[in-house]
């Protein structure tokens, strides 16, 4: 059984192309669950008309009771989908799926019980106004197409290298990690990092989705000021605590992973001390010692700029 989940917010500009690519899959999904997050541009009505036009009886559209934001909305959809045994495909509102995306990815997952999360490669394309950025998950030309990679849980475990729309996930895995899932945790981060921790993440070097970049993509905010940087650090601390709780509560040898998590938390604690109380040599030493755990080489510089601009650096 295959279930597609899509969270929609003000998506009329590109929705029809995405819906077409779902409807015309070589292997049709058994269920499509769509949640409109209180759109104001007619997205809900557009989807209603689309479902009626093509008599899509296995497509379900609901409207969130309030504007959840995409993180909470996707969490609710994945929770709902996982109540049945199935393969779940998260879907954004503005991309275009290759016609065999479901067929290829579901076949791999059905044949290999060792995989919880499978991520395909993506083919980025840019609309007018779309910012040229590094797209993680584009095809690696150094490897053969259809190469299946098993990444390891290392110093960069927090770096999510494929977008959530490229995932196919077994529902029992979603049920397994739901107790550790907080509303402000992004679904791609949850699925990526927990399957990476378990060793059940695989990366397919085959592009099965056209990944649209445009001027209104839902991207992570840049944490430029002191308050927002502290908030991001607090979220990362809670996430790393959730990973460590999983290590402690489940069978398996997680000693190496726990060491990576502990080193990462020490960097976060040091950055928090810096932002809250000013620069201390001991904190700087920890940040430099474990600098390979930072997602960006500019993290320390950004913290210092935020501290100075806040006027709290004295």
Protein backbone atom coordinates (compact mmCIF):
# COMPACT_ATOMS: atom_id res chain seq x y z
CA UNK A 1 0.00 0.00 0.00
CA UNK A 2 1.29 3.46 -0.95
CA UNK A 3 0.18 6.71 0.68
CA UNK A 4 1.13 10.21 -0.48
CA UNK A 5 0.88 13.08 2.02
CA UNK A 6 0.88 16.72 0.94
CA UNK A 7 0.68 19.88 3.03
CA UNK A 8 -0.56 22.88 1.05
CA UNK A 9 -0.42 26.58 1.80
CA UNK A 10 -1.20 29.22 -0.86
CA UNK A 11 -0.02 26.96 -3.64
CA UNK A 12 -2.28 27.82 -6.59
CA UNK A 13 0.65 29.01 -8.69
CA UNK A 14 2.09 25.51 -9.19
CA UNK A 15 -0.37 23.07 -7.60
CA UNK A 16 -1.95 21.75 -10.78
CA UNK A 17 1.39 20.60 -12.20
CA UNK A 18 2.19 18.72 -9.01
CA UNK A 19 -1.28 17.18 -8.80
CA UNK A 20 -1.02 16.09 -12.44
CA UNK A 21 2.30 14.37 -11.77
CA UNK A 22 0.72 12.45 -8.86
CA UNK A 23 -2.37 11.45 -10.81
CA UNK A 24 -0.34 10.24 -13.80
CA UNK A 25 2.07 7.99 -11.88
CA UNK A 26 2.76 4.64 -13.55
CA UNK A 27 1.88 3.04 -10.22
CA UNK A 28 -0.98 4.99 -8.68
CA UNK A 29 -0.94 5.66 -4.93
CA UNK A 30 -3.57 3.85 -2.92
CA UNK A 31 -4.24 7.00 -0.90
CA UNK A 32 -3.45 10.69 -1.25
CA UNK A 33 -3.91 12.71 1.95
CA UNK A 34 -3.85 16.48 1.45
CA UNK A 35 -4.07 19.04 4.26
CA UNK A 36 -4.68 22.67 3.40
CA UNK A 37 -3.04 24.86 6.06
CA UNK A 38 -5.65 27.65 5.93
CA UNK A 39 -4.69 28.97 2.50
CA UNK A 40 -6.02 32.37 1.47
CA UNK A 41 -5.45 32.09 -2.29
CA UNK A 42 -8.08 29.51 -3.26
CA UNK A 43 -5.85 26.44 -2.98
CA UNK A 44 -8.51 24.46 -1.12
CA UNK A 45 -11.15 25.09 -3.80
CA UNK A 46 -8.66 24.34 -6.58
CA UNK A 47 -7.93 20.92 -5.08
CA UNK A 48 -11.65 20.24 -4.51
CA UNK A 49 -12.35 20.92 -8.18
CA UNK A 50 -9.39 18.79 -9.25
CA UNK A 51 -10.51 15.80 -7.20
CA UNK A 52 -14.06 16.13 -8.53
CA UNK A 53 -12.92 16.59 -12.14
CA UNK A 54 -10.94 13.36 -12.20
CA UNK A 55 -13.18 11.38 -9.79
CA UNK A 56 -10.29 10.71 -7.42
CA UNK A 57 -12.19 8.81 -4.76
CA UNK A 58 -9.02 7.74 -2.93
CA UNK A 59 -7.81 11.33 -2.54
CA UNK A 60 -8.77 13.04 0.73
CA UNK A 61 -8.63 16.78 1.32
CA UNK A 62 -8.93 18.37 4.76
CA UNK A 63 -8.39 21.85 6.15
CA UNK A 64 -6.34 22.40 9.30
CA UNK A 65 -8.31 24.03 12.12
CA UNK A 66 -5.70 26.80 12.23
CA UNK A 67 -2.52 27.67 10.42
CA UNK A 68 -0.15 24.99 11.76
CA UNK A 69 2.91 25.87 9.70
CA UNK A 70 4.45 23.25 7.43
CA UNK A 71 6.36 21.41 10.17
CA UNK A 72 3.35 20.66 12.36
CA UNK A 73 1.13 20.06 9.33
CA UNK A 74 3.44 17.41 7.88
CA UNK A 75 3.85 15.79 11.28
CA UNK A 76 0.07 15.43 11.58
CA UNK A 77 -0.19 13.98 8.06
CA UNK A 78 2.61 11.47 8.63
CA UNK A 79 1.05 10.45 11.94
CA UNK A 80 -2.27 9.84 10.18
CA UNK A 81 -0.69 7.94 7.29
CA UNK A 82 1.34 5.70 9.59
CA UNK A 83 -1.73 4.25 11.29
CA UNK A 84 -1.90 1.82 8.36
CA UNK A 85 0.97 -0.33 7.15
CA UNK A 86 2.17 1.36 3.99
CA UNK A 87 4.97 3.20 2.24
CA UNK A 88 4.57 6.93 2.73
CA UNK A 89 5.69 9.57 0.22
CA UNK A 90 5.85 13.16 1.54
CA UNK A 91 5.00 15.61 -1.24
CA UNK A 92 5.53 19.35 -1.63
CA UNK A 93 3.05 21.51 -3.50
CA UNK A 94 5.31 22.93 -6.20
CA UNK A 95 7.50 20.17 -7.64
CA UNK A 96 6.94 17.72 -10.49
CA UNK A 97 7.36 13.98 -9.96
CA UNK A 98 8.70 11.67 -12.66
CA UNK A 99 6.01 9.23 -13.71
CA UNK A 100 7.88 6.24 -12.25
CA UNK A 101 8.87 7.79 -8.91
CA UNK A 102 6.41 5.72 -6.87
CA UNK A 103 7.07 2.55 -8.88
CA UNK A 104 10.86 2.67 -8.54
CA UNK A 105 11.07 3.68 -4.89
CA UNK A 106 8.29 1.46 -3.56
CA UNK A 107 9.80 -1.53 -5.37
CA UNK A 108 13.17 -1.00 -3.67
CA UNK A 109 11.56 -0.64 -0.24
CA UNK A 110 9.37 -3.70 -0.67
CA UNK A 111 12.36 -5.85 -1.59
CA UNK A 112 14.74 -4.67 1.14
CA UNK A 113 13.60 -4.96 4.78
CA UNK A 114 16.79 -3.23 5.96
CA UNK A 115 15.67 0.17 4.59
CA UNK A 116 13.37 2.50 6.54
CA UNK A 117 13.92 5.68 4.50
CA UNK A 118 14.85 5.84 0.82
CA UNK A 119 15.75 9.18 -0.79
CA UNK A 120 15.96 9.65 -4.54
CA UNK A 121 18.10 12.28 -6.23
CA UNK A 122 16.45 15.49 -7.46
CA UNK A 123 16.76 17.57 -10.60
CA UNK A 124 16.58 21.27 -9.68
CA UNK A 125 15.04 23.79 -12.04
CA UNK A 126 14.56 27.50 -11.58
CA UNK A 127 11.58 29.77 -12.15
CA UNK A 128 11.94 33.53 -12.58
CA UNK A 129 13.11 34.90 -9.26
CA UNK A 130 14.33 31.52 -8.04
CA UNK A 131 17.59 31.96 -6.15
CA UNK A 132 20.50 29.88 -7.40
CA UNK A 133 21.51 27.80 -4.40
CA UNK A 134 23.39 24.60 -3.69
CA UNK A 135 20.76 21.87 -3.96
CA UNK A 136 21.58 18.89 -1.79
CA UNK A 137 20.40 15.70 -3.40
CA UNK A 138 21.19 16.51 -7.02
CA UNK A 139 22.68 13.65 -9.02
CA UNK A 140 26.27 12.79 -8.16
CA UNK A 141 27.94 12.50 -11.55
CA UNK A 142 30.88 10.66 -9.98
CA UNK A 143 28.57 7.70 -9.28
CA UNK A 144 26.44 5.55 -11.51
CA UNK A 145 22.74 6.25 -11.79
CA UNK A 146 20.80 3.92 -9.48
CA UNK A 147 23.77 3.70 -7.10
CA UNK A 148 22.39 3.03 -3.59
CA UNK A 149 24.44 4.64 -0.84
CA UNK A 150 24.26 3.96 2.91
CA UNK A 151 25.57 7.09 4.69
CA UNK A 152 27.10 6.75 8.14
CA UNK A 153 26.30 8.59 11.37
CA UNK A 154 29.34 10.86 11.68
CA UNK A 155 30.26 14.42 12.69
CA UNK A 156 27.82 15.87 10.14
CA UNK A 157 24.81 13.85 11.35
CA UNK A 158 22.66 16.98 11.64
CA UNK A 159 23.16 17.87 7.96
CA UNK A 160 20.10 16.77 5.97
CA UNK A 161 21.37 16.11 2.43
CA UNK A 162 18.11 15.38 0.62
CA UNK A 163 14.83 17.36 0.62
CA UNK A 164 11.79 15.72 2.25
CA UNK A 165 9.91 15.54 -1.05
CA UNK A 166 12.47 12.98 -2.26
CA UNK A 167 11.69 10.49 0.55
CA UNK A 168 9.80 7.22 0.69
CA UNK A 169 9.29 5.95 4.24
CA UNK A 170 7.96 2.79 5.83
CA UNK A 171 5.04 3.55 8.12
CA UNK A 172 6.29 1.36 10.96
CA UNK A 173 9.39 3.55 11.15
CA UNK A 174 7.22 6.67 11.46
CA UNK A 175 5.34 5.02 14.34
CA UNK A 176 8.65 4.11 15.94
CA UNK A 177 10.00 7.68 16.04
CA UNK A 178 6.76 9.56 16.78
CA UNK A 179 7.36 9.51 20.58
CA UNK A 180 10.52 11.58 19.99
CA UNK A 181 8.91 14.03 17.53
CA UNK A 182 8.18 17.59 18.64
CA UNK A 183 5.92 19.94 16.68
CA UNK A 184 8.73 22.25 15.56
CA UNK A 185 10.92 19.43 14.25
CA UNK A 186 10.94 19.34 10.44
CA UNK A 187 9.81 16.03 8.93
CA UNK A 188 12.86 15.73 6.68
CA UNK A 189 15.17 16.19 9.67
CA UNK A 190 13.30 13.61 11.75
CA UNK A 191 13.19 10.98 9.03
CA UNK A 192 16.77 11.57 7.87
CA UNK A 193 18.54 11.72 11.25
CA UNK A 194 16.71 8.87 12.97
CA UNK A 195 17.14 6.50 10.02
CA UNK A 196 20.78 7.60 9.78
CA UNK A 197 21.12 6.76 13.48
CA UNK A 198 19.61 3.30 12.92
CA UNK A 199 21.63 2.65 9.77
CA UNK A 200 18.44 2.24 7.73
CA UNK A 201 18.82 5.25 5.42
CA UNK A 202 19.63 4.75 1.74
CA UNK A 203 20.30 7.30 -1.01
CA UNK A 204 19.35 6.50 -4.58
CA UNK A 205 21.44 8.35 -7.18
CA UNK A 206 18.57 8.53 -9.64
CA UNK A 207 16.63 11.76 -10.20
CA UNK A 208 12.91 11.05 -9.82
CA UNK A 209 11.63 14.53 -9.08
CA UNK A 210 11.97 17.93 -10.72
CA UNK A 211 12.74 20.15 -7.74
CA UNK A 212 11.37 23.63 -8.40
CA UNK A 213 13.23 26.65 -7.04
CA UNK A 214 11.34 29.95 -7.08
CA UNK A 215 10.95 33.20 -5.20
CA UNK A 216 8.53 31.84 -2.58
CA UNK A 217 10.04 28.48 -1.65
CA UNK A 218 9.46 27.52 1.99
CA UNK A 219 13.06 27.63 3.20
CA UNK A 220 14.64 27.80 6.59
CA UNK A 221 15.00 31.32 7.96
CA UNK A 222 18.50 32.71 8.37
CA UNK A 223 19.31 33.12 12.02
CA UNK A 224 21.00 36.52 11.98
CA UNK A 225 20.12 38.12 15.31
CA UNK A 226 21.00 36.97 18.80
CA UNK A 227 17.47 35.93 19.84
CA UNK A 228 16.81 33.83 16.74
CA UNK A 229 20.22 32.17 16.94
CA UNK A 230 19.57 31.22 20.57
CA UNK A 231 16.19 29.82 19.55
CA UNK A 232 17.79 27.70 16.84
CA UNK A 233 20.43 26.39 19.26
CA UNK A 234 17.71 25.48 21.77
CA UNK A 235 15.85 23.54 19.07
CA UNK A 236 19.03 21.69 18.06
CA UNK A 237 19.68 20.81 21.70
CA UNK A 238 16.18 19.35 22.01
CA UNK A 239 16.69 17.41 18.79
CA UNK A 240 20.02 15.98 19.91
CA UNK A 241 18.42 15.06 23.24
CA UNK A 242 15.69 13.19 21.34
CA UNK A 243 18.33 11.24 19.40
CA UNK A 244 20.15 10.37 22.62
CA UNK A 245 16.89 9.29 24.24
CA UNK A 246 16.33 6.93 21.30
CA UNK A 247 19.83 5.48 21.77
CA UNK A 248 19.12 4.87 25.46
CA UNK A 249 15.67 3.34 24.92
CA UNK A 250 16.30 0.95 22.04
CA UNK A 251 18.43 -2.17 21.55
CA UNK A 252 21.66 -1.85 19.63
CA UNK A 253 25.19 -0.54 20.01
CA UNK A 254 24.89 3.24 19.82
CA UNK A 255 28.11 4.09 21.68
CA UNK A 256 29.77 5.71 18.67
CA UNK A 257 26.65 7.67 17.78
CA UNK A 258 26.17 8.80 21.38
CA UNK A 259 29.73 10.15 21.40
CA UNK A 260 29.00 12.20 18.27
CA UNK A 261 25.78 13.52 19.83
CA UNK A 262 27.60 14.45 23.05
CA UNK A 263 30.34 16.34 21.17
CA UNK A 264 27.70 18.19 19.15
CA UNK A 265 25.81 19.15 22.32
CA UNK A 266 29.02 20.48 23.87
CA UNK A 267 29.41 22.82 20.88
CA UNK A 268 25.81 23.96 21.20
CA UNK A 269 26.24 24.58 24.94
CA UNK A 270 29.39 26.60 24.28
CA UNK A 271 27.66 28.68 21.61
CA UNK A 272 24.75 29.28 24.00
CA UNK A 273 27.13 30.46 26.73
CA UNK A 274 28.80 32.78 24.26
CA UNK A 275 25.51 34.34 23.14
CA UNK A 276 24.05 34.60 26.63
CA UNK A 277 27.09 35.69 28.64
CA UNK A 278 29.79 36.92 26.32
CA UNK A 279 32.95 35.32 25.01
CA UNK A 280 34.78 32.87 27.31
CA UNK A 281 38.04 31.19 26.41
CA UNK A 282 36.78 27.76 27.49
CA UNK A 283 33.74 28.03 25.21
CA UNK A 284 35.89 29.14 22.30
CA UNK A 285 38.20 26.18 22.89
CA UNK A 286 35.29 23.71 22.71
CA UNK A 287 33.89 25.31 19.56
CA UNK A 288 37.28 25.11 17.86
CA UNK A 289 37.97 21.57 19.08
CA UNK A 290 34.71 20.22 17.70
CA UNK A 291 34.31 22.60 14.77
CA UNK A 292 33.74 19.67 12.37
CA UNK A 293 30.32 19.20 14.00
CA UNK A 294 29.14 22.62 12.85
CA UNK A 295 26.96 22.67 9.74
CA UNK A 296 28.66 25.87 8.62
CA UNK A 297 32.19 27.17 9.05
CA UNK A 298 30.64 30.59 9.63
CA UNK A 299 28.65 29.63 12.76
CA UNK A 300 31.12 31.15 15.22
CA UNK A 301 31.50 34.30 13.13
CA UNK A 302 27.72 34.64 12.94
CA UNK A 303 27.39 34.23 16.71
CA UNK A 304 30.03 36.90 17.32
CA UNK A 305 28.32 39.31 14.89
CA UNK A 306 24.96 38.71 16.58
CA UNK A 307 26.49 39.23 20.02
CA UNK A 308 28.21 42.45 19.02
CA UNK A 309 25.12 43.86 17.29
CA UNK A 310 23.03 43.13 20.39
CA UNK A 311 25.29 45.29 22.53
CA UNK A 312 25.85 42.47 25.04
CA UNK A 313 29.45 41.71 24.22
CA UNK A 314 31.00 43.74 27.00
